[in-house]
Amino acid sequence: MLSTLLASVAFAEPLPSRIVLGGKAVVLAADAVYLFPEARRHIVAVAKADQGLGAFLAALDPAFGAKAQIDRAAGAEAYAALGSDLVIMKSSNRKSVGPGLDAIGIPQLYLDLETPEDYFRELGLLGKVFGDEARAIELITYYRESYERVLSAVETLPTAERPKVLVLQAQSAAGGSFEVPPASWMQTLMVERAGGIAVWKDANPGSGWAKVGPEQIAAWNPDIILVISYNEKASAVAASLRSDPRFSGLFAAKSARIFGFPQDFYSWDQPDVRWILGFQWAAARIHPARFAGLDMRKEAQRFYAFCYGLDAAAFSTLVAPRFSGDF
């Protein structure tokens, strides 16, 4: 987990003063780091953190424009030029970047952030690194309580009461290309732990999105389809599937249960900090009667207030106008 970082996972005073958030999938790590107010003023550079719908941190942090930009594929020399005393990135970057950073003595912190359990553990780790374990406990409590509320509502359901669910990434509103996530990814965990059957799970045991065609989708014949788009409005992409004659015979189409995954700056399906919102939303779509009182817009406002300190006015101005998907 750690490389060239003190084995006790705690820095001697002062805390790192020149933190760089880099590497591929930087959004997932950067959004987690920004949950800690103390860390923000120590960040001097961030790799491009925009998936196509806008850069959340640039909108959140008034000082973001003064921070250096670094390429997500940058090597050790770029981090050295920034005077980094801590580099934070996703664990998937360790093999490509770690040896070079080790060679020049720059400490690194690698985060998995792929499952709920990773979040419970690694928010605690970040709290130690930034000297704010009290904040880490608050965050873990929020995530765990929200997560366990969903589990307690569905975990005893028999198989016969668990609908068949398909999570589908559509490449465009024209519906020309479809992909399903791997069996081990957050999207699959969300569906299963929210009380659904992930019909695609056995078809993709790999480590990345797998293409599927209309014939395979028809063979699965899911009861519910949850549609993902990372750089288009998910509501528009879902609408295109609802009107696609190739899918008109599906149970999901006949029962009007094809839904676009909610988005704001980023889609809520992925293992970003917003996964807890996506998990609650998915549960409500899979078992609407069990979550009849859940208002996801209110949950989102509570999330942004607690996690990022946005009051109602800031939420209404900054986040709410970016909502897409079928809330």
Protein backbone atom coordinates (compact mmCIF):
# COMPACT_ATOMS: atom_id res chain seq x y z
CA MET A 1 0.00 0.00 0.00
CA LEU A 2 2.77 2.43 0.86
CA SER A 3 6.05 3.13 -0.83
CA THR A 4 8.85 5.25 0.65
CA LEU A 5 6.29 6.39 3.24
CA LEU A 6 6.91 5.97 6.95
CA ALA A 7 5.92 2.48 8.03
CA SER A 8 3.74 3.91 10.81
CA VAL A 9 1.64 5.70 8.13
CA ALA A 10 2.21 8.99 9.92
CA PHE A 11 4.48 11.83 8.97
CA ALA A 12 6.59 13.66 11.48
CA GLU A 13 5.60 17.32 11.73
CA PRO A 14 5.17 19.21 9.57
CA LEU A 15 2.79 17.34 7.29
CA PRO A 16 3.67 17.07 3.59
CA SER A 17 3.59 20.57 2.14
CA ARG A 18 3.87 19.81 -1.57
CA ILE A 19 1.41 17.06 -2.47
CA VAL A 20 0.83 16.05 -6.08
CA LEU A 21 -2.23 14.06 -7.17
CA GLY A 22 -1.34 12.22 -10.33
CA GLY A 23 -1.58 9.16 -12.52
CA LYS A 24 -4.37 7.53 -14.44
CA ALA A 25 -7.83 7.54 -12.81
CA VAL A 26 -6.66 10.53 -10.77
CA VAL A 27 -10.28 11.66 -10.28
CA LEU A 28 -10.95 8.76 -7.94
CA ALA A 29 -7.99 9.52 -5.68
CA ALA A 30 -8.23 13.32 -5.87
CA ASP A 31 -11.88 13.46 -4.89
CA ALA A 32 -11.11 11.30 -1.84
CA VAL A 33 -8.17 13.51 -0.80
CA TYR A 34 -10.36 16.62 -1.09
CA LEU A 35 -12.66 15.16 1.56
CA PHE A 36 -9.99 16.35 4.03
CA PRO A 37 -9.94 20.17 4.24
CA GLU A 38 -6.44 20.15 5.76
CA ALA A 39 -5.02 18.41 2.70
CA ARG A 40 -6.29 20.91 0.14
CA ARG A 41 -3.89 23.74 0.93
CA HIS A 42 -0.90 21.38 0.59
CA ILE A 43 -1.79 20.23 -2.94
CA VAL A 44 0.43 21.93 -5.52
CA ALA A 45 -0.46 19.98 -8.66
CA VAL A 46 -3.21 17.74 -9.98
CA ALA A 47 -3.37 15.69 -13.16
CA LYS A 48 -6.27 16.38 -15.50
CA ALA A 49 -9.41 15.50 -13.54
CA ASP A 50 -12.18 15.79 -16.11
CA GLN A 51 -14.03 12.81 -17.55
CA GLY A 52 -15.86 14.93 -20.09
CA LEU A 53 -18.57 16.60 -18.01
CA GLY A 54 -16.38 19.17 -16.27
CA ALA A 55 -13.71 19.27 -13.57
CA PHE A 56 -15.31 19.13 -10.13
CA LEU A 57 -12.26 20.21 -8.14
CA ALA A 58 -11.76 23.26 -10.33
CA ALA A 59 -15.32 24.31 -9.52
CA LEU A 60 -15.01 23.46 -5.82
CA ASP A 61 -11.61 24.94 -4.95
CA PRO A 62 -11.08 28.69 -5.57
CA ALA A 63 -7.32 28.07 -5.45
CA PHE A 64 -7.40 25.27 -8.00
CA GLY A 65 -6.41 27.51 -10.89
CA ALA A 66 -3.11 28.30 -9.19
CA LYS A 67 -2.15 24.64 -8.94
CA ALA A 68 0.08 23.17 -11.62
CA GLN A 69 -1.34 20.73 -14.16
CA ILE A 70 0.46 17.46 -14.75
CA ASP A 71 -0.08 14.86 -17.44
CA ARG A 72 -1.68 11.66 -16.17
CA ALA A 73 1.09 9.69 -17.90
CA ALA A 74 3.91 11.86 -16.46
CA GLY A 75 7.09 10.17 -15.29
CA ALA A 76 9.19 10.67 -12.17
CA GLU A 77 11.03 13.68 -13.58
CA ALA A 78 7.83 15.71 -13.76
CA TYR A 79 7.07 15.01 -10.10
CA ALA A 80 10.61 15.92 -9.12
CA ALA A 81 10.36 19.23 -10.99
CA LEU A 82 7.37 20.14 -8.84
CA GLY A 83 9.33 19.63 -5.64
CA SER A 84 6.88 16.94 -4.52
CA ASP A 85 7.22 15.61 -1.00
CA LEU A 86 4.28 13.23 -1.42
CA VAL A 87 2.66 11.78 -4.55
CA ILE A 88 -0.81 10.28 -4.17
CA MET A 89 -2.30 8.13 -6.91
CA LYS A 90 -4.31 5.02 -7.59
CA SER A 91 -2.60 1.69 -6.96
CA SER A 92 -2.89 0.78 -10.62
CA ASN A 93 -0.13 3.34 -11.34
CA ARG A 94 2.40 1.86 -8.97
CA LYS A 95 4.09 -0.52 -11.39
CA SER A 96 4.66 2.16 -14.04
CA VAL A 97 5.54 5.16 -11.84
CA GLY A 98 6.68 3.79 -8.49
CA PRO A 99 10.19 2.59 -9.39
CA GLY A 100 11.16 5.97 -10.84
CA LEU A 101 9.84 7.84 -7.81
CA ASP A 102 11.60 5.40 -5.48
CA ALA A 103 14.88 6.01 -7.32
CA ILE A 104 14.74 9.75 -6.58
CA GLY A 105 13.36 9.37 -3.07
CA ILE A 106 9.88 10.86 -3.48
CA PRO A 107 7.34 9.35 -1.04
CA GLN A 108 4.21 7.85 -2.53
CA LEU A 109 0.82 6.84 -1.25
CA TYR A 110 -1.18 4.39 -3.38
CA LEU A 111 -4.91 4.00 -2.91
CA ASP A 112 -7.08 1.14 -4.15
CA LEU A 113 -10.52 2.78 -3.68
CA GLU A 114 -12.31 0.05 -5.62
CA THR A 115 -14.82 -1.38 -3.12
CA PRO A 116 -16.78 -0.15 -0.09
CA GLU A 117 -14.30 -1.99 2.11
CA ASP A 118 -11.41 -0.13 0.44
CA TYR A 119 -13.11 3.16 1.27
CA PHE A 120 -13.68 2.26 4.92
CA ARG A 121 -9.99 1.33 5.27
CA GLU A 122 -8.33 3.97 3.12
CA LEU A 123 -10.26 6.97 4.44
CA GLY A 124 -8.72 5.99 7.77
CA LEU A 125 -5.30 5.87 6.13
CA LEU A 126 -5.75 9.36 4.67
CA GLY A 127 -6.80 10.63 8.07
CA LYS A 128 -3.50 9.44 9.52
CA VAL A 129 -1.47 10.94 6.68
CA PHE A 130 -3.13 14.35 7.03
CA GLY A 131 -3.22 14.33 10.82
CA ASP A 132 -7.01 14.43 10.91
CA GLU A 133 -8.21 11.10 12.20
CA ALA A 134 -11.35 12.70 13.62
CA ARG A 135 -12.44 13.69 10.10
CA ALA A 136 -11.67 10.19 8.86
CA ILE A 137 -13.91 8.69 11.54
CA GLU A 138 -16.73 11.06 10.56
CA LEU A 139 -16.39 10.10 6.91
CA ILE A 140 -16.20 6.37 7.56
CA THR A 141 -19.28 6.60 9.80
CA TYR A 142 -21.24 8.44 7.11
CA TYR A 143 -20.32 5.94 4.40
CA ARG A 144 -20.80 2.87 6.56
CA GLU A 145 -24.18 3.93 7.93
CA SER A 146 -25.50 4.82 4.46
CA TYR A 147 -24.17 1.56 3.05
CA GLU A 148 -25.55 -0.62 5.83
CA ARG A 149 -29.01 0.94 5.58
CA VAL A 150 -29.23 -0.44 2.06
CA LEU A 151 -27.79 -3.83 3.01
CA SER A 152 -30.20 -4.28 5.89
CA ALA A 153 -33.16 -3.66 3.59
CA VAL A 154 -32.23 -6.26 0.96
CA GLU A 155 -29.66 -8.75 2.22
CA THR A 156 -32.16 -11.42 3.30
CA LEU A 157 -34.13 -11.39 0.04
CA PRO A 158 -34.41 -14.83 -1.57
CA THR A 159 -33.17 -15.28 -5.12
CA ALA A 160 -36.72 -15.38 -6.44
CA GLU A 161 -37.23 -11.78 -5.27
CA ARG A 162 -34.02 -10.44 -6.82
CA PRO A 163 -34.59 -9.03 -10.32
CA LYS A 164 -32.18 -9.59 -13.18
CA VAL A 165 -30.20 -6.38 -13.70
CA LEU A 166 -27.91 -5.30 -16.54
CA VAL A 167 -25.44 -2.44 -16.13
CA LEU A 168 -24.64 -1.17 -19.59
CA GLN A 169 -22.25 1.53 -20.73
CA ALA A 170 -23.47 3.02 -23.99
CA GLN A 171 -20.90 4.88 -26.05
CA SER A 172 -23.39 7.35 -27.53
CA ALA A 173 -27.03 8.30 -27.51
CA ALA A 174 -27.22 6.67 -30.93
CA GLY A 175 -26.77 3.35 -29.13
CA GLY A 176 -24.10 1.98 -31.45
CA SER A 177 -21.78 0.37 -28.90
CA PHE A 178 -22.40 -1.34 -25.56
CA GLU A 179 -20.08 -2.56 -22.80
CA VAL A 180 -20.43 -4.33 -19.45
CA PRO A 181 -18.13 -4.02 -16.42
CA PRO A 182 -15.96 -6.82 -14.99
CA ALA A 183 -17.27 -9.16 -12.33
CA SER A 184 -15.04 -7.63 -9.64
CA TRP A 185 -15.81 -3.94 -10.23
CA MET A 186 -17.90 -1.56 -8.18
CA GLN A 187 -20.81 -1.61 -10.64
CA THR A 188 -21.22 -5.36 -10.16
CA LEU A 189 -20.91 -5.10 -6.39
CA MET A 190 -23.52 -2.35 -6.34
CA VAL A 191 -26.09 -4.45 -8.16
CA GLU A 192 -25.52 -7.58 -6.11
CA ARG A 193 -25.41 -5.82 -2.75
CA ALA A 194 -28.45 -3.73 -3.67
CA GLY A 195 -30.48 -6.90 -4.09
CA GLY A 196 -30.19 -7.63 -7.80
CA ILE A 197 -28.75 -10.41 -9.97
CA ALA A 198 -25.93 -9.16 -12.20
CA VAL A 199 -26.82 -11.05 -15.39
CA TRP A 200 -23.57 -10.16 -17.17
CA LYS A 201 -21.21 -11.23 -14.37
CA ASP A 202 -20.09 -14.57 -15.79
CA ALA A 203 -19.55 -13.01 -19.23
CA ASN A 204 -16.79 -10.66 -18.10
CA PRO A 205 -14.31 -12.10 -15.60
CA GLY A 206 -11.61 -9.78 -16.96
CA SER A 207 -10.14 -6.47 -15.85
CA GLY A 208 -11.84 -4.00 -18.18
CA TRP A 209 -15.08 -3.18 -19.95
CA ALA A 210 -16.20 -5.89 -22.39
CA LYS A 211 -18.19 -5.22 -25.54
CA VAL A 212 -21.56 -6.90 -25.95
CA GLY A 213 -24.04 -6.88 -28.80
CA PRO A 214 -27.82 -6.57 -28.96
CA GLU A 215 -28.16 -10.34 -29.37
CA GLN A 216 -26.41 -10.99 -26.05
CA ILE A 217 -28.49 -8.31 -24.32
CA ALA A 218 -31.64 -9.93 -25.68
CA ALA A 219 -30.47 -13.34 -24.44
CA TRP A 220 -29.99 -11.97 -20.92
CA ASN A 221 -33.42 -10.30 -21.14
CA PRO A 222 -32.92 -8.28 -17.94
CA ASP A 223 -35.76 -6.97 -15.80
CA ILE A 224 -33.87 -3.69 -15.29
CA ILE A 225 -31.17 -1.92 -17.30
CA LEU A 226 -29.02 0.75 -15.64
CA VAL A 227 -27.35 2.84 -18.34
CA ILE A 228 -23.98 4.54 -17.84
CA SER A 229 -22.39 7.34 -19.83
CA TYR A 230 -19.24 9.14 -18.75
CA ASN A 231 -19.19 12.02 -21.19
CA GLU A 232 -22.80 12.41 -22.33
CA LYS A 233 -26.06 12.93 -20.48
CA ALA A 234 -27.08 9.52 -19.19
CA SER A 235 -30.76 10.43 -19.38
CA ALA A 236 -30.46 10.99 -23.14
CA VAL A 237 -28.56 7.74 -23.65
CA ALA A 238 -31.15 5.81 -21.63
CA ALA A 239 -33.95 7.43 -23.62
CA SER A 240 -32.32 6.27 -26.85
CA LEU A 241 -32.32 2.69 -25.57
CA ARG A 242 -35.95 2.93 -24.50
CA SER A 243 -36.91 3.91 -28.05
CA ASP A 244 -34.59 1.41 -29.77
CA PRO A 245 -36.70 -1.26 -31.55
CA ARG A 246 -33.94 -3.83 -30.99
CA PHE A 247 -34.75 -3.77 -27.27
CA SER A 248 -38.52 -3.36 -27.36
CA GLY A 249 -39.11 -7.01 -26.48
CA LEU A 250 -37.01 -6.96 -23.31
CA PHE A 251 -38.69 -7.25 -19.92
CA ALA A 252 -36.92 -4.00 -18.96
CA ALA A 253 -38.42 -2.15 -21.93
CA LYS A 254 -41.92 -3.55 -21.50
CA SER A 255 -41.97 -2.52 -17.82
CA ALA A 256 -40.31 0.88 -18.48
CA ARG A 257 -37.32 0.02 -16.30
CA ILE A 258 -34.42 1.33 -18.39
CA PHE A 259 -32.79 4.09 -16.35
CA GLY A 260 -29.86 6.43 -16.83
CA PHE A 261 -27.37 6.34 -13.96
CA PRO A 262 -27.27 9.75 -12.21
CA GLN A 263 -24.41 12.12 -12.97
CA ASP A 264 -23.23 15.52 -11.89
CA PHE A 265 -19.59 16.22 -12.71
CA TYR A 266 -19.00 12.44 -12.73
CA SER A 267 -21.21 9.39 -13.03
CA TRP A 268 -22.27 7.86 -9.73
CA ASP A 269 -21.64 4.25 -10.78
CA GLN A 270 -17.86 4.25 -10.41
CA PRO A 271 -15.64 3.91 -7.32
CA ASP A 272 -15.41 7.66 -6.91
CA VAL A 273 -16.53 9.20 -3.61
CA ARG A 274 -20.04 9.37 -5.12
CA TRP A 275 -20.37 5.58 -5.14
CA ILE A 276 -22.49 5.78 -1.98
CA LEU A 277 -25.05 7.89 -3.86
CA GLY A 278 -25.01 5.49 -6.79
CA PHE A 279 -25.47 2.53 -4.47
CA GLN A 280 -28.52 4.05 -2.83
CA TRP A 281 -29.98 5.04 -6.19
CA ALA A 282 -29.43 1.57 -7.66
CA ALA A 283 -31.11 -0.04 -4.66
CA ALA A 284 -34.15 2.23 -5.07
CA ARG A 285 -34.41 1.36 -8.78
CA ILE A 286 -34.03 -2.37 -8.15
CA HIS A 287 -36.42 -2.46 -5.15
CA PRO A 288 -38.52 0.71 -5.31
CA ALA A 289 -41.05 -0.46 -2.70
CA ARG A 290 -38.30 -0.94 -0.11
CA PHE A 291 -36.90 2.56 -0.66
CA ALA A 292 -40.10 4.47 -1.35
CA GLY A 293 -39.11 7.40 0.85
CA LEU A 294 -35.64 7.89 -0.60
CA ASP A 295 -35.15 11.28 -2.28
CA MET A 296 -31.83 11.13 -4.12
CA ARG A 297 -31.64 14.88 -4.68
CA LYS A 298 -31.87 15.40 -0.93
CA GLU A 299 -29.32 12.64 -0.37
CA ALA A 300 -26.99 14.34 -2.84
CA GLN A 301 -27.38 17.68 -1.07
CA ARG A 302 -26.58 16.00 2.25
CA PHE A 303 -23.54 14.32 0.67
CA TYR A 304 -22.10 17.57 -0.69
CA ALA A 305 -22.76 19.46 2.52
CA PHE A 306 -21.05 16.86 4.68
CA CYS A 307 -18.26 15.78 2.35
CA TYR A 308 -17.33 19.12 0.75
CA GLY A 309 -18.91 21.80 2.92
CA LEU A 310 -21.32 23.10 0.27
CA ASP A 311 -24.28 24.98 1.71
CA ALA A 312 -27.69 24.90 0.02
CA ALA A 313 -26.94 27.92 -2.17
CA ALA A 314 -23.58 26.53 -3.34
CA PHE A 315 -25.15 23.14 -4.03
CA SER A 316 -27.92 24.74 -6.08
CA THR A 317 -25.44 26.79 -8.09
CA LEU A 318 -22.53 24.38 -8.46
CA VAL A 319 -23.92 20.84 -8.50
CA ALA A 320 -27.67 20.67 -9.12
CA PRO A 321 -27.55 22.24 -12.61
CA ARG A 322 -25.27 19.41 -13.73
CA PHE A 323 -27.63 16.62 -12.73
CA SER A 324 -28.52 14.14 -15.41
CA GLY A 325 -29.82 10.61 -15.28
CA ASP A 326 -33.17 9.30 -14.13
CA PHE A 327 -33.49 10.42 -10.55
